[in-house]
PDB file of N, CA and C in Angstrom:
ATOM      1  N   MET A   1     132.474 109.309  28.344  1.00  0.00           N
ATOM      2  CA  MET A   1     133.446 109.963  27.484  1.00  0.00           C
ATOM      3  C   MET A   1     134.686 109.080  27.375  1.00  0.00           C
ATOM      4  N   TYR A   2     135.089 108.783  26.188  1.00  0.00           N
ATOM      5  CA  TYR A   2     136.202 107.865  25.984  1.00  0.00           C
ATOM      6  C   TYR A   2     137.559 108.544  26.076  1.00  0.00           C
ATOM      7  N   LEU A   3     137.613 109.865  25.906  1.00  0.00           N
ATOM      8  CA  LEU A   3     138.892 110.566  25.846  1.00  0.00           C
ATOM      9  C   LEU A   3     138.988 111.559  27.002  1.00  0.00           C
ATOM     10  N   THR A   4     139.282 111.046  28.174  1.00  0.00           N
ATOM     11  CA  THR A   4     139.411 111.882  29.359  1.00  0.00           C
ATOM     12  C   THR A   4     140.840 112.430  29.444  1.00  0.00           C
ATOM     13  N   PRO A   5     141.066 113.463  30.245  1.00  0.00           N
ATOM     14  CA  PRO A   5     142.432 113.993  30.404  1.00  0.00           C
ATOM     15  C   PRO A   5     143.422 112.956  30.927  1.00  0.00           C
ATOM     16  N   GLU A   6     142.952 112.030  31.757  1.00  0.00           N
ATOM     17  CA  GLU A   6     143.845 110.987  32.258  1.00  0.00           C
ATOM     18  C   GLU A   6     144.300 110.059  31.136  1.00  0.00           C
ATOM     19  N   VAL A   7     143.371 109.710  30.255  1.00  0.00           N
ATOM     20  CA  VAL A   7     143.702 108.839  29.124  1.00  0.00           C
ATOM     21  C   VAL A   7     144.707 109.537  28.217  1.00  0.00           C
ATOM     22  N   LYS A   8     144.480 110.825  27.955  1.00  0.00           N
ATOM     23  CA  LYS A   8     145.399 111.573  27.101  1.00  0.00           C
ATOM     24  C   LYS A   8     146.784 111.680  27.717  1.00  0.00           C
ATOM     25  N   SER A   9     146.858 111.970  29.021  1.00  0.00           N
ATOM     26  CA  SER A   9     148.166 112.105  29.657  1.00  0.00           C
ATOM     27  C   SER A   9     148.912 110.771  29.676  1.00  0.00           C
ATOM     28  N   ASN A  10     148.190 109.660  29.892  1.00  0.00           N
ATOM     29  CA  ASN A  10     148.830 108.344  29.834  1.00  0.00           C
ATOM     30  C   ASN A  10     149.330 108.038  28.431  1.00  0.00           C
ATOM     31  N   LEU A  11     148.560 108.411  27.440  1.00  0.00           N
ATOM     32  CA  LEU A  11     148.949 108.198  26.052  1.00  0.00           C
ATOM     33  C   LEU A  11     150.183 109.010  25.697  1.00  0.00           C
ATOM     34  N   PHE A  12     150.215 110.275  26.129  1.00  0.00           N
ATOM     35  CA  PHE A  12     151.365 111.128  25.845  1.00  0.00           C
ATOM     36  C   PHE A  12     152.606 110.652  26.604  1.00  0.00           C
ATOM     37  N   LYS A  13     152.390 110.147  27.817  1.00  0.00           N
ATOM     38  CA  LYS A  13     153.524 109.641  28.596  1.00  0.00           C
ATOM     39  C   LYS A  13     154.114 108.394  27.938  1.00  0.00           C
ATOM     40  N   LYS A  14     153.236 107.561  27.378  1.00  0.00           N
ATOM     41  CA  LYS A  14     153.683 106.315  26.759  1.00  0.00           C
ATOM     42  C   LYS A  14     154.401 106.563  25.427  1.00  0.00           C
ATOM     43  N   HIS A  15     153.895 107.517  24.641  1.00  0.00           N
ATOM     44  CA  HIS A  15     154.432 107.720  23.295  1.00  0.00           C
ATOM     45  C   HIS A  15     155.276 108.971  23.142  1.00  0.00           C
ATOM     46  N   GLY A  16     155.312 109.828  24.155  1.00  0.00           N
ATOM     47  CA  GLY A  16     156.085 111.064  24.047  1.00  0.00           C
ATOM     48  C   GLY A  16     157.163 111.141  25.101  1.00  0.00           C
ATOM     49  N   GLU A  17     157.677 112.336  25.299  1.00  0.00           N
ATOM     50  CA  GLU A  17     158.718 112.552  26.300  1.00  0.00           C
ATOM     51  C   GLU A  17     158.149 112.495  27.712  1.00  0.00           C
ATOM     52  N   ASN A  18     157.014 113.179  27.942  1.00  0.00           N
ATOM     53  CA  ASN A  18     156.376 113.192  29.260  1.00  0.00           C
ATOM     54  C   ASN A  18     154.862 113.291  29.079  1.00  0.00           C
ATOM     55  N   ALA A  19     154.151 113.467  30.180  1.00  0.00           N
ATOM     56  CA  ALA A  19     152.685 113.451  30.136  1.00  0.00           C
ATOM     57  C   ALA A  19     152.089 114.681  29.460  1.00  0.00           C
ATOM     58  N   LYS A  20     152.845 115.772  29.362  1.00  0.00           N
ATOM     59  CA  LYS A  20     152.333 116.998  28.752  1.00  0.00           C
ATOM     60  C   LYS A  20     152.906 117.233  27.357  1.00  0.00           C
ATOM     61  N   ASP A  21     153.536 116.229  26.783  1.00  0.00           N
ATOM     62  CA  ASP A  21     154.185 116.359  25.478  1.00  0.00           C
ATOM     63  C   ASP A  21     153.192 116.054  24.365  1.00  0.00           C
ATOM     64  N   SER A  22     152.264 116.983  24.143  1.00  0.00           N
ATOM     65  CA  SER A  22     151.216 116.740  23.145  1.00  0.00           C
ATOM     66  C   SER A  22     151.613 117.198  21.747  1.00  0.00           C
ATOM     67  N   GLY A  23     152.722 117.903  21.592  1.00  0.00           N
ATOM     68  CA  GLY A  23     153.127 118.400  20.292  1.00  0.00           C
ATOM     69  C   GLY A  23     154.041 117.469  19.539  1.00  0.00           C
ATOM     70  N   ASN A  24     154.500 116.438  20.189  1.00  0.00           N
ATOM     71  CA  ASN A  24     155.389 115.475  19.573  1.00  0.00           C
ATOM     72  C   ASN A  24     154.639 114.708  18.482  1.00  0.00           C
ATOM     73  N   ALA A  25     155.309 114.416  17.374  1.00  0.00           N
ATOM     74  CA  ALA A  25     154.654 113.734  16.259  1.00  0.00           C
ATOM     75  C   ALA A  25     154.167 112.349  16.673  1.00  0.00           C
ATOM     76  N   GLU A  26     154.976 111.626  17.459  1.00  0.00           N
ATOM     77  CA  GLU A  26     154.556 110.289  17.884  1.00  0.00           C
ATOM     78  C   GLU A  26     153.309 110.365  18.769  1.00  0.00           C
ATOM     79  N   SER A  27     153.255 111.363  19.627  1.00  0.00           N
ATOM     80  CA  SER A  27     152.093 111.533  20.510  1.00  0.00           C
ATOM     81  C   SER A  27     150.837 111.848  19.711  1.00  0.00           C
ATOM     82  N   GLN A  28     150.978 112.725  18.726  1.00  0.00           N
ATOM     83  CA  GLN A  28     149.823 113.082  17.913  1.00  0.00           C
ATOM     84  C   GLN A  28     149.335 111.903  17.092  1.00  0.00           C
ATOM     85  N   ILE A  29     150.259 111.109  16.560  1.00  0.00           N
ATOM     86  CA  ILE A  29     149.870 109.926  15.784  1.00  0.00           C
ATOM     87  C   ILE A  29     149.140 108.935  16.680  1.00  0.00           C
ATOM     88  N   ALA A  30     149.626 108.755  17.902  1.00  0.00           N
ATOM     89  CA  ALA A  30     148.966 107.838  18.839  1.00  0.00           C
ATOM     90  C   ALA A  30     147.571 108.339  19.197  1.00  0.00           C
ATOM     91  N   LEU A  31     147.420 109.644  19.386  1.00  0.00           N
ATOM     92  CA  LEU A  31     146.109 110.208  19.706  1.00  0.00           C
ATOM     93  C   LEU A  31     145.147 110.050  18.531  1.00  0.00           C
ATOM     94  N   PHE A  32     145.626 110.322  17.313  1.00  0.00           N
ATOM     95  CA  PHE A  32     144.783 110.128  16.134  1.00  0.00           C
ATOM     96  C   PHE A  32     144.369 108.664  16.012  1.00  0.00           C
ATOM     97  N   THR A  33     145.287 107.744  16.294  1.00  0.00           N
ATOM     98  CA  THR A  33     144.974 106.321  16.188  1.00  0.00           C
ATOM     99  C   THR A  33     143.897 105.923  17.188  1.00  0.00           C
ATOM    100  N   LEU A  34     143.993 106.430  18.414  1.00  0.00           N
ATOM    101  CA  LEU A  34     142.975 106.149  19.429  1.00  0.00           C
ATOM    102  C   LEU A  34     141.612 106.663  18.978  1.00  0.00           C
ATOM    103  N   ARG A  35     141.576 107.876  18.472  1.00  0.00           N
ATOM    104  CA  ARG A  35     140.313 108.463  18.025  1.00  0.00           C
ATOM    105  C   ARG A  35     139.763 107.744  16.792  1.00  0.00           C
ATOM    106  N   ILE A  36     140.639 107.349  15.874  1.00  0.00           N
ATOM    107  CA  ILE A  36     140.215 106.633  14.669  1.00  0.00           C
ATOM    108  C   ILE A  36     139.603 105.287  15.044  1.00  0.00           C
ATOM    109  N   ASN A  37     140.240 104.580  15.971  1.00  0.00           N
ATOM    110  CA  ASN A  37     139.697 103.288  16.401  1.00  0.00           C
ATOM    111  C   ASN A  37     138.331 103.450  17.059  1.00  0.00           C
ATOM    112  N   HIS A  38     138.173 104.517  17.843  1.00  0.00           N
ATOM    113  CA  HIS A  38     136.883 104.766  18.487  1.00  0.00           C
ATOM    114  C   HIS A  38     135.799 105.064  17.449  1.00  0.00           C
ATOM    115  N   LEU A  39     136.115 105.914  16.487  1.00  0.00           N
ATOM    116  CA  LEU A  39     135.127 106.254  15.464  1.00  0.00           C
ATOM    117  C   LEU A  39     134.807 105.061  14.570  1.00  0.00           C
ATOM    118  N   THR A  40     135.774 104.203  14.328  1.00  0.00           N
ATOM    119  CA  THR A  40     135.532 103.007  13.524  1.00  0.00           C
ATOM    120  C   THR A  40     134.521 102.093  14.210  1.00  0.00           C
ATOM    121  N   GLU A  41     134.689 101.919  15.515  1.00  0.00           N
ATOM    122  CA  GLU A  41     133.726 101.104  16.266  1.00  0.00           C
ATOM    123  C   GLU A  41     132.339 101.747  16.255  1.00  0.00           C
ATOM    124  N   HIS A  42     132.286 103.071  16.356  1.00  0.00           N
ATOM    125  CA  HIS A  42     131.007 103.779  16.311  1.00  0.00           C
ATOM    126  C   HIS A  42     130.320 103.566  14.965  1.00  0.00           C
ATOM    127  N   LEU A  43     131.088 103.629  13.891  1.00  0.00           N
ATOM    128  CA  LEU A  43     130.495 103.484  12.559  1.00  0.00           C
ATOM    129  C   LEU A  43     130.063 102.054  12.262  1.00  0.00           C
ATOM    130  N   LYS A  44     130.629 101.082  12.955  1.00  0.00           N
ATOM    131  CA  LYS A  44     130.168  99.709  12.764  1.00  0.00           C
ATOM    132  C   LYS A  44     128.737  99.543  13.284  1.00  0.00           C
ATOM    133  N   LYS A  45     128.401 100.310  14.319  1.00  0.00           N
ATOM    134  CA  LYS A  45     127.057 100.236  14.904  1.00  0.00           C
ATOM    135  C   LYS A  45     126.093 101.191  14.216  1.00  0.00           C
ATOM    136  N   ASN A  46     126.590 102.344  13.756  1.00  0.00           N
ATOM    137  CA  ASN A  46     125.751 103.387  13.164  1.00  0.00           C
ATOM    138  C   ASN A  46     126.204 103.633  11.727  1.00  0.00           C
ATOM    139  N   ARG A  47     125.726 102.811  10.833  1.00  0.00           N
ATOM    140  CA  ARG A  47     126.207 102.839   9.453  1.00  0.00           C
ATOM    141  C   ARG A  47     125.839 104.109   8.695  1.00  0.00           C
ATOM    142  N   LYS A  48     124.775 104.768   9.069  1.00  0.00           N
ATOM    143  CA  LYS A  48     124.315 105.930   8.311  1.00  0.00           C
ATOM    144  C   LYS A  48     124.759 107.255   8.916  1.00  0.00           C
ATOM    145  N   ASP A  49     125.709 107.242   9.807  1.00  0.00           N
ATOM    146  CA  ASP A  49     126.222 108.462  10.422  1.00  0.00           C
ATOM    147  C   ASP A  49     127.301 109.049   9.507  1.00  0.00           C
ATOM    148  N   PHE A  50     126.875 109.823   8.540  1.00  0.00           N
ATOM    149  CA  PHE A  50     127.784 110.308   7.503  1.00  0.00           C
ATOM    150  C   PHE A  50     128.691 111.424   8.006  1.00  0.00           C
ATOM    151  N   ASN A  51     128.256 112.194   8.992  1.00  0.00           N
ATOM    152  CA  ASN A  51     129.124 113.232   9.555  1.00  0.00           C
ATOM    153  C   ASN A  51     130.317 112.616  10.279  1.00  0.00           C
ATOM    154  N   THR A  52     130.088 111.550  10.989  1.00  0.00           N
ATOM    155  CA  THR A  52     131.191 110.857  11.657  1.00  0.00           C
ATOM    156  C   THR A  52     132.111 110.213  10.638  1.00  0.00           C
ATOM    157  N   GLU A  53     131.534 109.711   9.564  1.00  0.00           N
ATOM    158  CA  GLU A  53     132.347 109.106   8.507  1.00  0.00           C
ATOM    159  C   GLU A  53     133.269 110.152   7.872  1.00  0.00           C
ATOM    160  N   ARG A  54     132.751 111.338   7.667  1.00  0.00           N
ATOM    161  CA  ARG A  54     133.560 112.417   7.103  1.00  0.00           C
ATOM    162  C   ARG A  54     134.668 112.820   8.072  1.00  0.00           C
ATOM    163  N   ALA A  55     134.343 112.912   9.352  1.00  0.00           N
ATOM    164  CA  ALA A  55     135.346 113.246  10.361  1.00  0.00           C
ATOM    165  C   ALA A  55     136.431 112.169  10.418  1.00  0.00           C
ATOM    166  N   LEU A  56     136.039 110.920  10.272  1.00  0.00           N
ATOM    167  CA  LEU A  56     136.993 109.821  10.282  1.00  0.00           C
ATOM    168  C   LEU A  56     137.960 109.920   9.101  1.00  0.00           C
ATOM    169  N   VAL A  57     137.441 110.221   7.934  1.00  0.00           N
ATOM    170  CA  VAL A  57     138.287 110.345   6.749  1.00  0.00           C
ATOM    171  C   VAL A  57     139.273 111.502   6.912  1.00  0.00           C
ATOM    172  N   ASN A  58     138.805 112.632   7.458  1.00  0.00           N
ATOM    173  CA  ASN A  58     139.698 113.762   7.704  1.00  0.00           C
ATOM    174  C   ASN A  58     140.785 113.394   8.707  1.00  0.00           C
ATOM    175  N   MET A  59     140.425 112.662   9.742  1.00  0.00           N
ATOM    176  CA  MET A  59     141.384 112.282  10.769  1.00  0.00           C
ATOM    177  C   MET A  59     142.433 111.316  10.224  1.00  0.00           C
ATOM    178  N   VAL A  60     142.015 110.407   9.376  1.00  0.00           N
ATOM    179  CA  VAL A  60     142.964 109.484   8.755  1.00  0.00           C
ATOM    180  C   VAL A  60     143.946 110.267   7.883  1.00  0.00           C
ATOM    181  N   GLY A  61     143.470 111.284   7.192  1.00  0.00           N
ATOM    182  CA  GLY A  61     144.347 112.121   6.375  1.00  0.00           C
ATOM    183  C   GLY A  61     145.351 112.897   7.215  1.00  0.00           C
ATOM    184  N   LYS A  62     144.903 113.404   8.360  1.00  0.00           N
ATOM    185  CA  LYS A  62     145.818 114.120   9.253  1.00  0.00           C
ATOM    186  C   LYS A  62     146.881 113.183   9.821  1.00  0.00           C
ATOM    187  N   ARG A  63     146.457 111.974  10.187  1.00  0.00           N
ATOM    188  CA  ARG A  63     147.429 111.006  10.700  1.00  0.00           C
ATOM    189  C   ARG A  63     148.423 110.620   9.615  1.00  0.00           C
ATOM    190  N   ARG A  64     147.940 110.489   8.389  1.00  0.00           N
ATOM    191  CA  ARG A  64     148.832 110.151   7.281  1.00  0.00           C
ATOM    192  C   ARG A  64     149.865 111.256   7.067  1.00  0.00           C
ATOM    193  N   SER A  65     149.446 112.520   7.191  1.00  0.00           N
ATOM    194  CA  SER A  65     150.374 113.643   7.054  1.00  0.00           C
ATOM    195  C   SER A  65     151.435 113.606   8.141  1.00  0.00           C
ATOM    196  N   GLN A  66     151.022 113.321   9.368  1.00  0.00           N
ATOM    197  CA  GLN A  66     151.981 113.219  10.470  1.00  0.00           C
ATOM    198  C   GLN A  66     152.950 112.063  10.244  1.00  0.00           C
ATOM    199  N   LEU A  67     152.444 110.936   9.753  1.00  0.00           N
ATOM    200  CA  LEU A  67     153.307 109.797   9.474  1.00  0.00           C
ATOM    201  C   LEU A  67     154.298 110.105   8.350  1.00  0.00           C
ATOM    202  N   ASP A  68     153.853 110.824   7.327  1.00  0.00           N
ATOM    203  CA  ASP A  68     154.755 111.213   6.245  1.00  0.00           C
ATOM    204  C   ASP A  68     155.845 112.140   6.749  1.00  0.00           C
ATOM    205  N   TYR A  69     155.483 113.071   7.623  1.00  0.00           N
ATOM    206  CA  TYR A  69     156.477 113.975   8.208  1.00  0.00           C
ATOM    207  C   TYR A  69     157.506 113.183   9.008  1.00  0.00           C
ATOM    208  N   LEU A  70     157.037 112.258   9.817  1.00  0.00           N
ATOM    209  CA  LEU A  70     157.940 111.454  10.628  1.00  0.00           C
ATOM    210  C   LEU A  70     158.818 110.572   9.748  1.00  0.00           C
ATOM    211  N   LYS A  71     158.266 110.073   8.671  1.00  0.00           N
ATOM    212  CA  LYS A  71     159.034 109.230   7.747  1.00  0.00           C
ATOM    213  C   LYS A  71     160.153 110.018   7.078  1.00  0.00           C
ATOM    214  N   ASN A  72     159.856 111.273   6.736  1.00  0.00           N
ATOM    215  CA  ASN A  72     160.866 112.097   6.066  1.00  0.00           C
ATOM    216  C   ASN A  72     161.935 112.613   7.008  1.00  0.00           C
ATOM    217  N   THR A  73     161.629 112.753   8.294  1.00  0.00           N
ATOM    218  CA  THR A  73     162.595 113.315   9.230  1.00  0.00           C
ATOM    219  C   THR A  73     163.327 112.246  10.030  1.00  0.00           C
ATOM    220  N   GLN A  74     162.589 111.248  10.552  1.00  0.00           N
ATOM    221  CA  GLN A  74     163.196 110.229  11.404  1.00  0.00           C
ATOM    222  C   GLN A  74     162.615 108.869  11.042  1.00  0.00           C
ATOM    223  N   ILE A  75     163.267 108.174  10.112  1.00  0.00           N
ATOM    224  CA  ILE A  75     162.725 106.918   9.594  1.00  0.00           C
ATOM    225  C   ILE A  75     162.683 105.831  10.675  1.00  0.00           C
ATOM    226  N   SER A  76     163.638 105.840  11.602  1.00  0.00           N
ATOM    227  CA  SER A  76     163.648 104.799  12.641  1.00  0.00           C
ATOM    228  C   SER A  76     162.457 104.959  13.586  1.00  0.00           C
ATOM    229  N   LYS A  77     162.133 106.204  13.978  1.00  0.00           N
ATOM    230  CA  LYS A  77     160.969 106.440  14.838  1.00  0.00           C
ATOM    231  C   LYS A  77     159.680 106.113  14.089  1.00  0.00           C
ATOM    232  N   TYR A  78     159.655 106.384  12.790  1.00  0.00           N
ATOM    233  CA  TYR A  78     158.491 106.061  11.964  1.00  0.00           C
ATOM    234  C   TYR A  78     158.206 104.562  12.013  1.00  0.00           C
ATOM    235  N   ARG A  79     159.248 103.766  11.813  1.00  0.00           N
ATOM    236  CA  ARG A  79     159.077 102.314  11.839  1.00  0.00           C
ATOM    237  C   ARG A  79     158.664 101.826  13.218  1.00  0.00           C
ATOM    238  N   GLU A  80     159.226 102.442  14.245  1.00  0.00           N
ATOM    239  CA  GLU A  80     158.893 102.066  15.623  1.00  0.00           C
ATOM    240  C   GLU A  80     157.432 102.375  15.952  1.00  0.00           C
ATOM    241  N   VAL A  81     156.968 103.558  15.534  1.00  0.00           N
ATOM    242  CA  VAL A  81     155.579 103.960  15.804  1.00  0.00           C
ATOM    243  C   VAL A  81     154.601 103.060  15.065  1.00  0.00           C
ATOM    244  N   ILE A  82     154.889 102.750  13.820  1.00  0.00           N
ATOM    245  CA  ILE A  82     154.000 101.879  13.044  1.00  0.00           C
ATOM    246  C   ILE A  82     153.905 100.500  13.684  1.00  0.00           C
ATOM    247  N   LYS A  83     155.046  99.985  14.134  1.00  0.00           N
ATOM    248  CA  LYS A  83     155.032  98.663  14.748  1.00  0.00           C
ATOM    249  C   LYS A  83     154.304  98.680  16.084  1.00  0.00           C
ATOM    250  N   LYS A  84     154.520  99.741  16.885  1.00  0.00           N
ATOM    251  CA  LYS A  84     153.927  99.809  18.211  1.00  0.00           C
ATOM    252  C   LYS A  84     152.407  99.996  18.144  1.00  0.00           C
ATOM    253  N   LEU A  85     151.922 100.805  17.185  1.00  0.00           N
ATOM    254  CA  LEU A  85     150.498 101.083  17.088  1.00  0.00           C
ATOM    255  C   LEU A  85     149.749 100.114  16.176  1.00  0.00           C
ATOM    256  N   GLY A  86     150.487  99.303  15.415  1.00  0.00           N
ATOM    257  CA  GLY A  86     149.835  98.360  14.533  1.00  0.00           C
ATOM    258  C   GLY A  86     149.195  98.999  13.323  1.00  0.00           C
ATOM    259  N   ILE A  87     149.812 100.047  12.807  1.00  0.00           N
ATOM    260  CA  ILE A  87     149.286 100.751  11.639  1.00  0.00           C
ATOM    261  C   ILE A  87     149.854 100.089  10.384  1.00  0.00           C
ATOM    262  N   ARG A  88     149.022  99.908   9.391  1.00  0.00           N
ATOM    263  CA  ARG A  88     149.514  99.390   8.116  1.00  0.00           C
ATOM    264  C   ARG A  88     149.383 100.477   7.061  1.00  0.00           C
ATOM    265  N   LYS A  89     150.229 100.445   6.092  1.00  0.00           N
ATOM    266  CA  LYS A  89     150.198 101.465   5.051  1.00  0.00           C
ATOM    267  C   LYS A  89     149.257 101.037   3.953  1.00  0.00           C
TER     268      LYS A  89
END
């Protein structure tokens, strides 16, 4: 399993206020990015897995919504998150 509770808590600690800060926009964007990268690697090996492809597209849309929210509320944090996670628009 790639997404254990320890991995999630480390991710939230790195991108949020503390290890249990899962509601923060930066934390959610980081979690979506981790999951998107995992699914992308899965789809490189399994090209005909259309259910995973659909889930990936939905997840990218959710991350985009979170990024738009962060951009509209706190532009400096938006730029910081994009640079830290290596996301391109």
